[in-house]
């Protein structure tokens, strides 16, 4: 098993360097066939969404559409993968919610928590979440 870094996702998802994008595609095809196993983390996924939003100016729904198939590969391991994919859903549904906040909501959902202590008013837009200030 090998660790998967942010730039591999970015080269594949943006195709901004055709040679690197092709190499990344070949790698993901190996993962899909079960010939290769990779692992990554929530922080890498968060960095990918941040760069795609800020540098490539993609919408949240477009990022979700591109990233979900890659993250769903069975040969790609992520701790709490189901939660990360759920966060990606929340992220894709709202242009106001950044991925890190969406990840918090997904973790809260998994843990059965409906109240968050925060000054971030973006949580007010999430159904089922009650934001409280200290």
Protein backbone atom coordinates (compact mmCIF):
# COMPACT_ATOMS: atom_id res chain seq x y z
CA UNK A 1 0.00 0.00 0.00
CA UNK A 2 1.17 3.50 -0.83
CA UNK A 3 0.10 6.98 0.34
CA UNK A 4 -1.74 9.17 -2.17
CA UNK A 5 -0.88 12.88 -2.15
CA UNK A 6 -2.97 15.88 -3.14
CA UNK A 7 -1.17 16.58 -6.42
CA UNK A 8 -2.07 13.15 -7.84
CA UNK A 9 -5.75 13.91 -7.40
CA UNK A 10 -5.28 17.38 -8.85
CA UNK A 11 -3.37 16.30 -11.95
CA UNK A 12 -6.00 13.62 -12.64
CA UNK A 13 -9.04 15.82 -11.97
CA UNK A 14 -7.84 18.92 -13.82
CA UNK A 15 -5.86 17.38 -16.68
CA UNK A 16 -3.69 20.50 -16.61
CA UNK A 17 -0.60 18.44 -17.43
CA UNK A 18 -1.63 15.80 -19.96
CA UNK A 19 1.33 13.47 -19.35
CA UNK A 20 0.86 13.52 -15.58
CA UNK A 21 -2.92 13.20 -15.93
CA UNK A 22 -2.44 10.10 -18.09
CA UNK A 23 -0.05 8.58 -15.54
CA UNK A 24 -2.56 9.29 -12.77
CA UNK A 25 -5.35 7.75 -14.83
CA UNK A 26 -3.25 4.61 -15.27
CA UNK A 27 -2.66 4.50 -11.51
CA UNK A 28 -6.37 4.85 -10.72
CA UNK A 29 -7.15 2.13 -13.28
CA UNK A 30 -4.75 -0.17 -11.42
CA UNK A 31 -6.57 0.67 -8.19
CA UNK A 32 -9.91 -0.04 -9.84
CA UNK A 33 -8.69 -3.46 -11.05
CA UNK A 34 -7.33 -4.30 -7.62
CA UNK A 35 -3.70 -4.35 -8.80
CA UNK A 36 -2.79 -1.42 -6.53
CA UNK A 37 -3.91 -0.29 -3.08
CA UNK A 38 -3.60 3.32 -1.99
CA UNK A 39 -4.49 5.23 1.15
CA UNK A 40 -4.96 8.90 1.96
CA UNK A 41 -6.57 11.10 4.60
CA UNK A 42 -9.36 13.58 5.21
CA UNK A 43 -6.81 16.41 5.16
CA UNK A 44 -5.70 15.46 1.64
CA UNK A 45 -9.32 15.45 0.44
CA UNK A 46 -9.86 18.84 2.11
CA UNK A 47 -6.78 20.23 0.37
CA UNK A 48 -8.00 18.90 -2.98
CA UNK A 49 -11.39 20.59 -2.57
CA UNK A 50 -9.73 23.84 -1.47
CA UNK A 51 -7.38 23.98 -4.47
CA UNK A 52 -10.12 23.06 -6.93
CA UNK A 53 -12.33 25.79 -5.47
CA UNK A 54 -9.77 28.57 -5.10
CA UNK A 55 -7.28 27.95 -7.89
CA UNK A 56 -9.42 26.24 -10.53
CA UNK A 57 -12.68 28.05 -9.64
CA UNK A 58 -14.80 24.91 -9.87
CA UNK A 59 -18.22 24.83 -8.23
CA UNK A 60 -18.81 22.56 -5.28
CA UNK A 61 -21.15 20.37 -7.32
CA UNK A 62 -18.57 20.03 -10.09
CA UNK A 63 -15.86 19.09 -7.60
CA UNK A 64 -18.15 16.51 -6.04
CA UNK A 65 -18.99 15.03 -9.45
CA UNK A 66 -15.30 14.69 -10.33
CA UNK A 67 -13.99 13.55 -6.95
CA UNK A 68 -16.67 11.09 -5.83
CA UNK A 69 -15.82 8.34 -8.37
CA UNK A 70 -12.14 8.43 -7.40
CA UNK A 71 -12.80 8.41 -3.66
CA UNK A 72 -15.27 5.55 -4.14
CA UNK A 73 -12.66 3.20 -5.62
CA UNK A 74 -12.56 0.10 -3.43
CA UNK A 75 -8.76 0.02 -3.58
CA UNK A 76 -8.50 3.52 -2.11
CA UNK A 77 -8.47 3.47 1.69
CA UNK A 78 -9.49 6.48 3.76
CA UNK A 79 -10.19 6.35 7.47
CA UNK A 80 -13.93 6.94 7.91
CA UNK A 81 -14.40 6.74 4.13
CA UNK A 82 -18.19 6.69 4.41
CA UNK A 83 -18.05 9.91 6.44
CA UNK A 84 -15.74 11.56 3.90
CA UNK A 85 -18.10 10.63 1.07
CA UNK A 86 -21.06 11.96 3.07
CA UNK A 87 -19.14 15.21 3.65
CA UNK A 88 -18.58 15.43 -0.09
CA UNK A 89 -22.36 15.22 -0.56
CA UNK A 90 -22.93 18.09 1.88
CA UNK A 91 -20.15 20.06 0.18
CA UNK A 92 -21.70 19.50 -3.25
CA UNK A 93 -25.11 20.67 -2.08
CA UNK A 94 -23.95 24.05 -0.76
CA UNK A 95 -21.60 26.63 -2.22
CA UNK A 96 -21.51 28.28 1.23
CA UNK A 97 -20.22 25.25 3.13
CA UNK A 98 -16.51 24.53 2.74
CA UNK A 99 -15.35 20.93 2.84
CA UNK A 100 -13.98 21.14 6.37
CA UNK A 101 -17.37 22.32 7.67
CA UNK A 102 -19.11 19.64 5.60
CA UNK A 103 -16.80 17.10 7.19
CA UNK A 104 -17.77 18.34 10.64
CA UNK A 105 -21.45 17.94 9.75
CA UNK A 106 -20.85 14.42 8.43
CA UNK A 107 -18.98 13.45 11.62
CA UNK A 108 -21.78 14.94 13.71
CA UNK A 109 -24.32 12.94 11.74
CA UNK A 110 -22.32 9.73 12.23
CA UNK A 111 -22.13 10.37 15.97
CA UNK A 112 -25.77 11.41 16.33
CA UNK A 113 -24.88 14.98 17.37
CA UNK A 114 -27.17 17.79 16.22
CA UNK A 115 -25.72 20.77 18.09
CA UNK A 116 -22.49 22.58 17.26
CA UNK A 117 -20.77 25.30 19.25
CA UNK A 118 -19.51 27.76 16.67
CA UNK A 119 -19.49 31.36 15.53
CA UNK A 120 -19.64 30.17 11.90
CA UNK A 121 -23.10 31.12 10.63
CA UNK A 122 -22.75 28.81 7.61
CA UNK A 123 -23.88 26.00 9.91
CA UNK A 124 -27.24 27.79 10.26
CA UNK A 125 -28.02 26.73 6.69
CA UNK A 126 -27.58 23.01 7.40
CA UNK A 127 -30.84 21.23 8.06
CA UNK A 128 -30.88 19.34 11.34
CA UNK A 129 -27.93 21.27 12.82
CA UNK A 130 -28.42 23.76 15.63
CA UNK A 131 -25.57 26.23 16.05
CA UNK A 132 -24.94 27.71 19.44
CA UNK A 133 -22.44 30.32 20.51
CA UNK A 134 -20.63 29.88 23.84
